Every structure is written in C-alpha cells, then in structure tokens.
Protein backbone atom coordinates (compact mmCIF):
# COMPACT_ATOMS: atom_id res chain seq x y z
CA MET A 1 41.73 81.51 72.11
CA THR A 2 41.84 82.08 75.82
CA LEU A 3 44.23 84.65 77.22
CA ASP A 4 46.58 81.90 78.35
CA GLN A 5 46.49 80.23 74.93
CA ALA A 6 47.33 83.53 73.24
CA PHE A 7 50.28 84.05 75.58
CA GLN A 8 51.57 80.52 75.02
CA LEU A 9 51.31 80.95 71.24
CA ALA A 10 53.11 84.30 71.48
CA MET A 11 56.00 82.62 73.31
CA GLN A 12 56.16 79.91 70.62
CA HIS A 13 56.38 82.58 67.93
CA HIS A 14 59.06 84.39 69.95
CA GLN A 15 61.18 81.26 70.40
CA SER A 16 60.85 80.42 66.69
CA GLY A 17 61.97 83.88 65.59
CA ARG A 18 58.56 85.02 64.32
CA LEU A 19 58.93 88.27 66.21
CA PRO A 20 56.16 90.40 64.61
CA ASP A 21 53.65 87.63 65.31
CA ALA A 22 54.87 87.35 68.90
CA GLU A 23 54.68 91.11 69.42
CA GLY A 24 51.13 91.26 68.08
CA LEU A 25 49.94 88.55 70.47
CA TYR A 26 51.75 90.04 73.48
CA ARG A 27 49.96 93.31 72.78
CA GLN A 28 46.61 91.52 72.48
CA VAL A 29 47.19 89.94 75.88
CA LEU A 30 48.06 93.30 77.42
CA ALA A 31 45.00 94.92 75.84
CA GLN A 32 42.85 92.50 77.83
CA GLN A 33 45.07 92.31 80.94
CA PRO A 34 47.37 95.37 81.23
CA ASN A 35 49.17 93.95 84.28
CA HIS A 36 50.09 90.61 82.71
CA ASP A 37 53.68 90.42 83.95
CA GLY A 38 54.73 87.74 81.46
CA ALA A 39 53.55 89.72 78.44
CA LEU A 40 55.16 92.91 79.77
CA HIS A 41 58.45 91.11 80.38
CA LEU A 42 58.60 89.38 77.00
CA LEU A 43 57.40 92.41 75.06
CA GLY A 44 60.25 94.24 76.80
CA LEU A 45 62.63 91.49 75.76
CA LEU A 46 61.48 91.91 72.16
CA ALA A 47 62.20 95.63 72.40
CA HIS A 48 65.67 94.87 73.79
CA GLN A 49 66.36 92.46 70.94
CA ALA A 50 65.36 95.22 68.50
CA GLY A 51 67.74 97.70 70.14
CA ARG A 52 64.99 99.80 71.77
CA SER A 53 66.53 99.76 75.21
CA ASP A 54 64.49 102.60 76.76
CA ILE A 55 61.21 100.88 75.90
CA ALA A 56 62.61 97.56 77.12
CA LEU A 57 63.68 99.11 80.41
CA ASP A 58 60.19 100.50 81.04
CA LEU A 59 58.32 97.29 80.15
CA ILE A 60 60.53 94.89 82.09
CA THR A 61 60.63 97.21 85.11
CA ARG A 62 56.81 97.23 85.12
CA ALA A 63 56.78 93.43 84.94
CA ILE A 64 59.13 93.19 87.94
CA GLN A 65 56.99 95.60 89.95
CA ILE A 66 54.07 93.22 89.44
CA ALA A 67 56.05 89.97 89.93
CA PRO A 68 59.41 90.72 91.63
CA ASN A 69 60.54 87.12 92.14
CA ILE A 70 60.95 85.94 88.54
CA PRO A 71 64.69 85.29 87.92
CA ASP A 72 64.45 85.58 84.11
CA SER A 73 62.92 89.06 84.38
CA ARG A 74 65.85 90.14 86.55
CA VAL A 75 68.36 88.70 84.09
CA ASN A 76 66.76 90.45 81.13
CA LEU A 77 66.49 93.76 82.99
CA GLY A 78 70.17 93.43 83.83
CA SER A 79 70.94 92.81 80.16
CA VAL A 80 69.12 95.99 79.17
CA LEU A 81 71.01 97.97 81.83
CA LEU A 82 74.28 96.46 80.60
CA SER A 83 73.48 97.58 77.03
CA GLN A 84 73.08 101.10 78.46
CA ARG A 85 76.42 100.78 80.27
CA LYS A 86 74.73 101.06 83.67
CA PHE A 87 77.10 98.55 85.18
CA GLU A 88 76.31 98.67 88.89
CA PRO A 89 72.52 98.48 88.46
CA ALA A 90 73.05 95.59 86.03
CA ILE A 91 75.21 93.74 88.57
CA GLU A 92 72.50 94.26 91.19
CA GLN A 93 69.86 92.67 88.93
CA PHE A 94 72.04 89.66 88.09
CA ARG A 95 72.84 89.11 91.76
CA THR A 96 69.15 89.31 92.63
CA ALA A 97 68.46 86.71 89.95
CA LEU A 98 71.05 84.43 91.56
CA GLN A 99 69.43 84.89 94.95
CA LEU A 100 66.14 83.77 93.40
CA ASN A 101 67.79 80.96 91.42
CA PRO A 102 71.37 80.01 92.39
CA ASN A 103 71.53 77.79 89.28
CA SER A 104 70.89 80.54 86.72
CA ALA A 105 73.62 80.03 84.13
CA GLU A 106 72.39 83.14 82.32
CA ALA A 107 72.88 85.31 85.41
CA TYR A 108 76.45 84.09 85.89
CA TYR A 109 77.09 84.54 82.16
CA ASN A 110 75.85 88.12 82.17
CA LEU A 111 77.81 88.95 85.30
CA GLY A 112 80.84 87.77 83.37
CA ASN A 113 79.92 90.14 80.55
CA VAL A 114 79.69 93.09 82.95
CA TYR A 115 83.09 92.34 84.48
CA THR A 116 84.59 91.92 81.00
CA GLN A 117 83.51 95.44 80.09
CA LEU A 118 84.87 96.71 83.41
CA ASP A 119 88.21 95.00 82.58
CA ARG A 120 87.96 92.90 85.75
CA LEU A 121 89.06 89.78 83.97
CA ASP A 122 89.46 87.49 86.98
CA LEU A 123 85.85 88.09 88.02
CA ALA A 124 84.72 87.69 84.41
CA ALA A 125 86.42 84.29 84.12
CA GLU A 126 85.05 83.21 87.51
CA ASN A 127 81.46 83.93 86.50
CA PHE A 128 81.76 82.39 83.04
CA ARG A 129 83.22 79.30 84.70
CA LYS A 130 80.25 79.14 87.07
CA SER A 131 77.86 79.44 84.14
CA VAL A 132 79.24 76.27 82.53
CA GLN A 133 79.48 74.45 85.85
CA VAL A 134 75.76 75.02 86.29
CA ARG A 135 75.04 74.20 82.65
CA PRO A 136 77.83 72.21 80.99
CA ASP A 137 76.12 72.39 77.58
CA TYR A 138 76.09 76.21 77.58
CA ALA A 139 78.03 77.00 74.40
CA TRP A 140 77.92 80.78 74.93
CA GLY A 141 79.31 80.33 78.43
CA TRP A 142 82.25 78.28 77.12
CA SER A 143 82.89 80.80 74.33
CA ASN A 144 82.99 83.78 76.67
CA LEU A 145 85.10 81.83 79.15
CA GLY A 146 87.53 81.33 76.28
CA SER A 147 87.54 85.07 75.63
CA ALA A 148 88.26 85.77 79.31
CA PHE A 149 91.18 83.32 79.23
CA LEU A 150 92.46 84.90 76.02
CA ASP A 151 92.33 88.39 77.51
CA ARG A 152 94.47 87.09 80.39
CA GLY A 153 96.99 85.52 78.02
CA MET A 154 95.99 81.93 78.86
CA LEU A 155 96.03 80.69 75.27
CA ASP A 156 95.81 76.93 75.90
CA ASP A 157 92.87 77.31 78.28
CA ALA A 158 91.21 79.70 75.85
CA MET A 159 91.57 77.29 72.96
CA GLU A 160 90.12 74.42 74.99
CA ALA A 161 87.10 76.53 75.98
CA PHE A 162 86.47 77.72 72.42
CA HIS A 163 86.64 74.16 71.08
CA ARG A 164 84.17 73.05 73.77
CA ALA A 165 81.83 75.79 72.54
CA VAL A 166 82.19 74.78 68.88
CA LYS A 167 81.59 71.14 69.73
CA LEU A 168 78.36 72.09 71.51
CA ASP A 169 77.30 74.54 68.78
CA PRO A 170 79.21 74.30 65.48
CA ASN A 171 77.38 77.41 64.24
CA LEU A 172 78.43 79.70 67.09
CA ALA A 173 80.28 82.39 65.16
CA GLU A 174 81.83 83.96 68.26
CA ALA A 175 83.56 80.70 69.17
CA HIS A 176 85.10 80.40 65.70
CA PHE A 177 86.18 84.02 66.02
CA GLY A 178 87.81 83.20 69.36
CA ILE A 179 89.72 80.29 67.88
CA GLY A 180 90.92 82.63 65.15
CA ASN A 181 92.13 85.10 67.77
CA VAL A 182 94.11 82.43 69.60
CA GLU A 183 95.62 81.09 66.39
CA ARG A 184 96.60 84.54 65.18
CA GLY A 185 98.36 85.09 68.49
CA GLN A 186 100.22 81.84 67.85
CA ALA A 187 101.08 82.89 64.25
CA GLU A 188 98.85 80.12 62.85
CA LEU A 189 97.55 82.53 60.23
CA PRO A 190 96.02 80.17 57.62
CA SER A 191 93.83 78.47 60.20
CA ALA A 192 93.02 81.79 61.91
CA ILE A 193 91.82 83.25 58.60
CA GLU A 194 89.71 80.14 58.00
CA HIS A 195 87.96 80.55 61.37
CA TYR A 196 87.42 84.28 60.84
CA ARG A 197 85.87 83.52 57.46
CA ARG A 198 83.63 80.89 59.04
CA ALA A 199 82.50 83.41 61.67
CA ALA A 200 81.75 85.94 58.91
CA GLU A 201 79.70 83.34 57.04
CA LEU A 202 77.68 82.50 60.14
CA ARG A 203 77.14 86.12 61.20
CA PRO A 204 77.42 88.22 58.03
CA GLU A 205 75.85 91.19 59.84
CA ASN A 206 78.92 91.55 62.09
CA PRO A 207 81.67 93.53 60.30
CA ALA A 208 84.32 92.70 62.92
CA PHE A 209 84.69 89.14 61.68
CA LEU A 210 85.62 90.15 58.13
CA SER A 211 87.80 92.98 59.48
CA ASN A 212 89.90 90.36 61.23
CA VAL A 213 90.32 88.51 57.96
CA LEU A 214 91.80 91.73 56.55
CA VAL A 215 94.14 92.27 59.50
CA SER A 216 95.36 88.66 59.32
CA MET A 217 95.96 88.83 55.58
CA LEU A 218 98.27 91.80 56.14
CA LEU A 219 100.37 89.59 58.43
CA HIS A 220 100.44 86.63 56.03
CA PRO A 221 103.29 86.64 53.46
CA ASP A 222 101.32 84.66 50.86
CA TYR A 223 98.75 87.38 50.12
CA ASP A 224 99.68 89.95 47.51
CA ARG A 225 98.49 93.56 47.53
CA GLU A 226 95.86 92.99 44.85
CA THR A 227 94.20 90.20 46.85
CA ILE A 228 94.29 92.25 50.05
CA TRP A 229 92.86 95.25 48.22
CA GLN A 230 89.97 93.20 46.80
CA GLN A 231 89.09 91.95 50.29
CA HIS A 232 88.97 95.54 51.57
CA VAL A 233 86.67 96.40 48.66
CA LEU A 234 84.46 93.46 49.63
CA TRP A 235 84.24 94.79 53.20
CA ARG A 236 83.27 98.22 51.86
CA GLN A 237 80.59 96.82 49.58
CA ARG A 238 79.09 94.71 52.34
CA TYR A 239 79.24 97.07 55.33
CA ALA A 240 79.92 100.65 54.17
CA ASP A 241 78.08 101.15 50.88
CA PRO A 242 74.62 100.47 52.41
CA LEU A 243 75.17 103.55 54.62
CA LYS A 244 75.71 105.96 51.71
CA SER A 245 72.08 107.04 51.92
CA LEU A 246 72.85 108.65 55.30
CA ILE A 247 75.38 111.11 53.80
CA ARG A 248 73.92 114.60 53.60
CA PRO A 249 75.03 118.25 53.17
CA TYR A 250 77.02 119.94 55.92
CA GLY A 251 76.03 122.97 57.94
CA ASN A 252 79.51 123.88 59.17
CA ASN A 253 80.35 127.48 59.92
CA ARG A 254 82.08 128.96 56.84
CA ASP A 255 83.83 131.80 58.66
CA PRO A 256 87.46 131.63 57.34
CA ASN A 257 88.82 133.23 60.51
CA ARG A 258 87.50 130.72 63.01
CA ARG A 259 89.39 127.75 64.44
CA LEU A 260 88.99 124.54 62.45
CA LYS A 261 87.35 121.73 64.35
CA ILE A 262 89.33 118.47 64.28
CA GLY A 263 87.83 115.29 65.66
CA TYR A 264 89.74 112.11 66.50
CA VAL A 265 87.89 108.80 66.83
CA CYS A 266 89.49 105.96 68.77
CA ALA A 267 88.76 103.07 71.13
CA GLU A 268 92.23 103.26 72.68
CA PHE A 269 92.51 106.67 74.33
CA ARG A 270 94.24 104.93 77.24
CA LYS A 271 97.54 103.29 78.17
CA HIS A 272 97.78 101.31 74.97
CA VAL A 273 100.23 101.43 72.08
CA ILE A 274 97.84 103.62 70.06
CA GLY A 275 97.26 105.93 73.00
CA GLN A 276 100.99 106.23 73.67
CA TYR A 277 101.67 107.20 70.06
CA PHE A 278 98.77 109.64 69.91
CA LEU A 279 99.43 111.51 73.17
CA PRO A 280 102.54 113.45 71.98
CA LEU A 281 100.61 114.80 69.00
CA LEU A 282 97.71 115.82 71.23
CA LEU A 283 100.02 117.58 73.69
CA ASN A 284 101.60 119.58 70.85
CA HIS A 285 98.43 120.57 69.01
CA ASP A 286 98.08 124.26 68.13
CA HIS A 287 94.88 125.08 69.99
CA SER A 288 94.94 128.66 68.75
CA ALA A 289 94.25 127.40 65.22
CA PHE A 290 92.40 124.15 65.92
CA GLU A 291 89.63 123.06 68.25
CA VAL A 292 90.39 119.43 69.10
CA ILE A 293 87.55 117.09 70.07
CA LEU A 294 88.16 113.45 71.01
CA TYR A 295 85.49 110.79 70.47
CA SER A 296 86.36 108.10 72.97
CA ASP A 297 85.19 104.49 72.98
CA VAL A 298 87.23 103.61 76.10
CA ALA A 299 85.15 101.50 78.49
CA VAL A 300 87.52 101.70 81.46
CA PRO A 301 89.49 105.00 81.55
CA ASP A 302 92.95 105.24 83.12
CA ASP A 303 95.48 107.98 83.91
CA MET A 304 96.39 108.41 80.23
CA THR A 305 92.69 108.73 79.36
CA ARG A 306 92.34 111.52 81.91
CA GLN A 307 95.48 113.23 80.60
CA MET A 308 94.05 113.19 77.07
CA GLN A 309 90.71 114.46 78.28
CA ALA A 310 92.41 117.39 80.01
CA SER A 311 94.47 118.17 76.87
CA ALA A 312 91.53 118.30 74.46
CA ASP A 313 89.10 121.14 73.81
CA GLY A 314 86.20 118.68 73.83
CA TRP A 315 85.63 115.13 74.99
CA ARG A 316 82.79 112.85 73.96
CA GLU A 317 82.06 109.52 75.65
CA CYS A 318 80.95 107.30 72.78
CA ALA A 319 81.07 103.77 74.19
CA GLY A 320 77.60 102.33 73.76
CA LEU A 321 76.60 104.67 70.92
CA SER A 322 75.57 103.05 67.67
CA GLU A 323 77.28 104.01 64.42
CA VAL A 324 74.29 106.17 63.46
CA GLN A 325 74.18 107.88 66.89
CA LEU A 326 77.90 108.65 66.83
CA ALA A 327 77.71 110.03 63.28
CA GLU A 328 74.85 112.31 64.37
CA LEU A 329 76.89 113.53 67.34
CA ILE A 330 79.82 114.38 65.04
CA ARG A 331 77.51 116.26 62.67
CA LYS A 332 76.04 118.17 65.60
CA ASP A 333 79.57 119.18 66.66
CA GLN A 334 80.18 120.44 63.09
CA ILE A 335 83.57 118.76 62.80
CA ASP A 336 85.57 119.99 59.80
CA ILE A 337 88.20 117.25 59.69
CA LEU A 338 87.50 113.82 61.20
CA ILE A 339 90.47 111.51 61.77
CA ASP A 340 90.31 107.80 62.42
CA LEU A 341 93.08 106.13 64.43
CA MET A 342 91.90 102.51 64.12
CA PHE A 343 90.90 101.47 60.58
CA HIS A 344 89.97 97.76 60.83
CA LEU A 345 91.45 97.05 64.26
CA LYS A 346 89.39 95.96 67.27
CA GLY A 347 86.89 98.60 68.32
CA ASN A 348 86.95 100.45 65.00
CA ARG A 349 84.24 102.83 63.84
CA MET A 350 84.57 102.33 60.09
CA ARG A 351 80.80 102.47 59.64
CA VAL A 352 80.70 105.92 61.20
CA PHE A 353 83.19 107.12 58.58
CA ALA A 354 81.07 105.40 55.92
CA GLN A 355 78.33 107.97 56.71
CA LYS A 356 80.84 110.82 56.19
CA PRO A 357 79.67 113.00 59.08
CA ALA A 358 82.51 115.49 58.40
CA PRO A 359 83.36 117.10 55.03
CA VAL A 360 87.00 115.98 55.21
CA GLN A 361 87.96 112.59 56.62
CA ALA A 362 91.40 111.10 57.10
CA ALA A 363 93.19 108.25 58.85
CA TRP A 364 96.49 107.88 60.63
CA LEU A 365 98.58 105.81 62.98
CA SER A 366 97.61 102.20 63.51
CA TYR A 367 96.99 100.34 60.23
CA PRO A 368 99.52 99.98 57.39
CA SER A 369 96.99 99.55 54.62
CA THR A 370 93.74 101.02 53.31
CA SER A 371 90.27 101.31 54.79
CA GLY A 372 88.77 100.44 51.41
CA LEU A 373 86.19 103.19 52.01
CA GLU A 374 85.39 105.81 49.40
CA THR A 375 84.43 108.24 52.19
CA ILE A 376 87.89 108.55 53.77
CA ASP A 377 89.75 111.14 51.75
CA TYR A 378 93.34 110.91 53.00
CA ARG A 379 95.70 108.61 54.85
CA VAL A 380 98.84 109.89 56.55
CA THR A 381 101.97 107.89 55.80
CA ASP A 382 105.68 108.29 55.03
CA ARG A 383 108.09 107.28 52.26
CA HIS A 384 109.36 104.27 54.22
CA LEU A 385 105.97 102.62 54.60
CA ASP A 386 104.78 103.70 51.17
CA PRO A 387 107.39 104.56 48.55
CA PRO A 388 105.62 107.33 46.55
CA GLY A 389 103.71 106.09 43.54
CA LEU A 390 104.35 102.39 44.22
CA ASN A 391 101.09 101.30 45.86
CA ASP A 392 98.62 104.05 45.02
CA ALA A 393 96.33 101.65 43.16
CA PHE A 394 95.72 99.71 46.36
CA TYR A 395 94.47 102.61 48.47
CA SER A 396 91.02 104.16 48.35
CA GLU A 397 92.48 107.22 50.11
CA LYS A 398 95.00 109.77 48.84
CA SER A 399 98.33 109.29 50.62
CA VAL A 400 99.74 112.31 52.46
CA TYR A 401 103.47 112.00 53.17
CA LEU A 402 105.15 113.29 56.29
CA PRO A 403 108.81 114.29 55.70
CA ASP A 404 110.41 111.67 57.95
CA SER A 405 108.32 109.18 59.91
CA TYR A 406 104.64 109.24 60.73
CA TRP A 407 105.32 107.77 64.18
CA VAL A 408 105.16 110.14 67.14
CA TYR A 409 106.46 108.56 70.31
CA THR A 410 107.53 109.50 73.82
CA PRO A 411 109.25 106.65 75.71
CA PRO A 412 107.62 105.72 79.02
CA ALA A 413 109.26 106.50 82.33
CA GLU A 414 111.83 103.93 83.45
CA ASN A 415 109.60 102.59 86.22
CA GLU A 416 106.60 101.93 83.95
C-alpha cells in the first residue's frame, strides 16, 4: 500500500468502529511521515474517544500547527477542551471552525454544548437551532435542541425536537431519554418509563437511563415496593458490582483523638432544593469534632456555592472527574465517613460509592428509597417516611432514624 492508501484504509476502519485497526494504520503512516496532519488529527480523535484527553490534546494541537485551516481539526480540538472543562478555549476553537466553514453543524452543536454546561441556555438553544438549520437531518442537533428547550421549561417545543430526532435516528438513546424527561414532567409516567427503558436498552453502558426508570417508578402508584426493590438490585448488578474489584484496604489515621473526616458528595451545592436543605446542616456542623470536606460537581457556581465553600474545611471541584478519579481523590483525603446527597437523581455519583473509597458510607436528604448498593452502609430517615421495621427488607442500607424529621430547612428571604 502507498501512504495515501494506508491512510484511507485507516479512516475506513475508524468510521466502521474497528478502532485498533485504525490506530495501527495511523501509527504506520506517522512512522513514515511524522508530520502527516490527517493521521495526527485522527489518532488524536481516537485518543479522545478512548477518554485519553491529554494525549488527544497534544496530537490534535500538533495537527493544527501543521495545517491550521482544517475546520474538523478545530471542532475536535474544541471537543477535547470541552471534556477538560476549558470552556473559553473550546469556544475559541469552535468559533475558528465557523470562520473556516460557516456551515459546520458540528461547530454550532458543540458551541451549544459549551453554553449548556455554562447554564447559558438561550445561547445553547440558539446554537443547537443553527446546527439543524445548517443540517436538517442532524439527529443529535435536534436532540440537544430539545434538551435546551426542556431546561427552559418549553415542554411542547422540547417534545417536538426530540420526536424529530427519533424520526431521524430511532436508535438515538438520548432522544428517547429526552422524551421520557418531558413526559415525566407532564406526569405521563407509563410512557416516560417506556422511553427510559428504551434508552437503557440502546445505551446499556449509561447508568443514568436506568436510574431514571427507578426515579419514575417511585412516582408511579402501580409499582409495589418489591418491584421497585428488584429494579434497584438490577441497577446494582449492572453498574455497581463490576466495580467491586476496586475496593481495597484503608490507610486512614487511627488516632482516636483526631477529628473525624466527613465528606459530602453532591452535584447541587448551589441554589437548588438540595442545596437549600443542606446549607443549614453545614452551617451548624461541629468543626471542633469533624473536618468537613465537600466534593462538588457544580458546573456553574452561585452565591450559595460560595457560601458553602466558605463554610467547609475543604472543597474539591469534581466536575469532569471520572468515577475512578473521584474515588481516588476521596481515598487520598482519607475520608472516614462519606455521605451521598443524591442517590439516583441527576448528577449522582453512585458508582463512586460502589468503589467504597471510605470505610463508612451513608446517604441522606434527596431520595425516599434505597440505593440498592451493598457498599452504602446507612441511610438517614425518620419514622414518618419509614415506620420502623415496616420496609427494612427493601433497603440495602441500615436505616438510621432521626427523632423528628430528617429535613433541615431555612426559608429564603422574602425578596428571593
């Protein structure tokens, strides 16, 4: 084969999902021509697809230095930067791609993704809309436009966009998931559960889809506790049990006179119902006896985020960390008691708790059921939510009862 034939065959393998074959040929091309910008770019894309963002950043940056006017290289470099939460540099790359090709649906789409993470929903919707104007058959563009509408409370527009996406690509799991989200918001629970299940079938590697089945079943009066419990067990078997091999002994300081380290994990350390219920507890923590560390998945912090950060002994920015990376960070901090505030809600870190990075793990606040995990030891509740002894068989955790209510709440100021 000539060098060009090898590169063309590598791209065919890449497009067909034969990634090891593609990688081998890209490397052969680079062995003969180290400055082959196409092989550098696409080998970088392969690294990005495998989650190796640092390698991807290096390779695609080298490709752009050789050939700076290739729009696709700019789009893929922006995608890598976005995965690293480097929002402004990512925006710059997508805008450069649009200068090179004003009809790049992918550049508009990825700009929409950046603005979604920055919670700038109007700009997100505008760019997703442009992506489908440029390419009306772009199912991903329609699906993410639906998500932008949904986040703005525009349910009818969201549903229309999601259905356009499903019509274009019936196997797009995210579009089915979006339909489920709209229908759950409209109390159409049977259909919502059906779409969540379809999403989980199409993308079984994504635990969020099955988690939303669990949440919706809790809202549906036709599901009994046994059925709900079995579905939580299914989630554990599919997504938590494979991580048991990562559990290992703890090296925590055994000095009985030191402060215990308590870690809280949450995606809603902000002005959100969970944040508002958690803040009073945080403000009244006994810091003489406990060292409190917050593991925050908040993408866009607000005044409440900053108040929590100032009230904690330690603050860890975790958005963008994988489950394995976050578990390693918690082990490094030598947390004694790790508390989850999310369970199966959006943004949860159940698969971190599945690795049991702390010797004692518990859950509280936002989810009136079980995690289903064998690695969460306790759940905080009260006698109103859980009459003692009545539902113990349907919890994988031991229930710990507060004397009155487990809610902690400070009403907002009148002008909020």
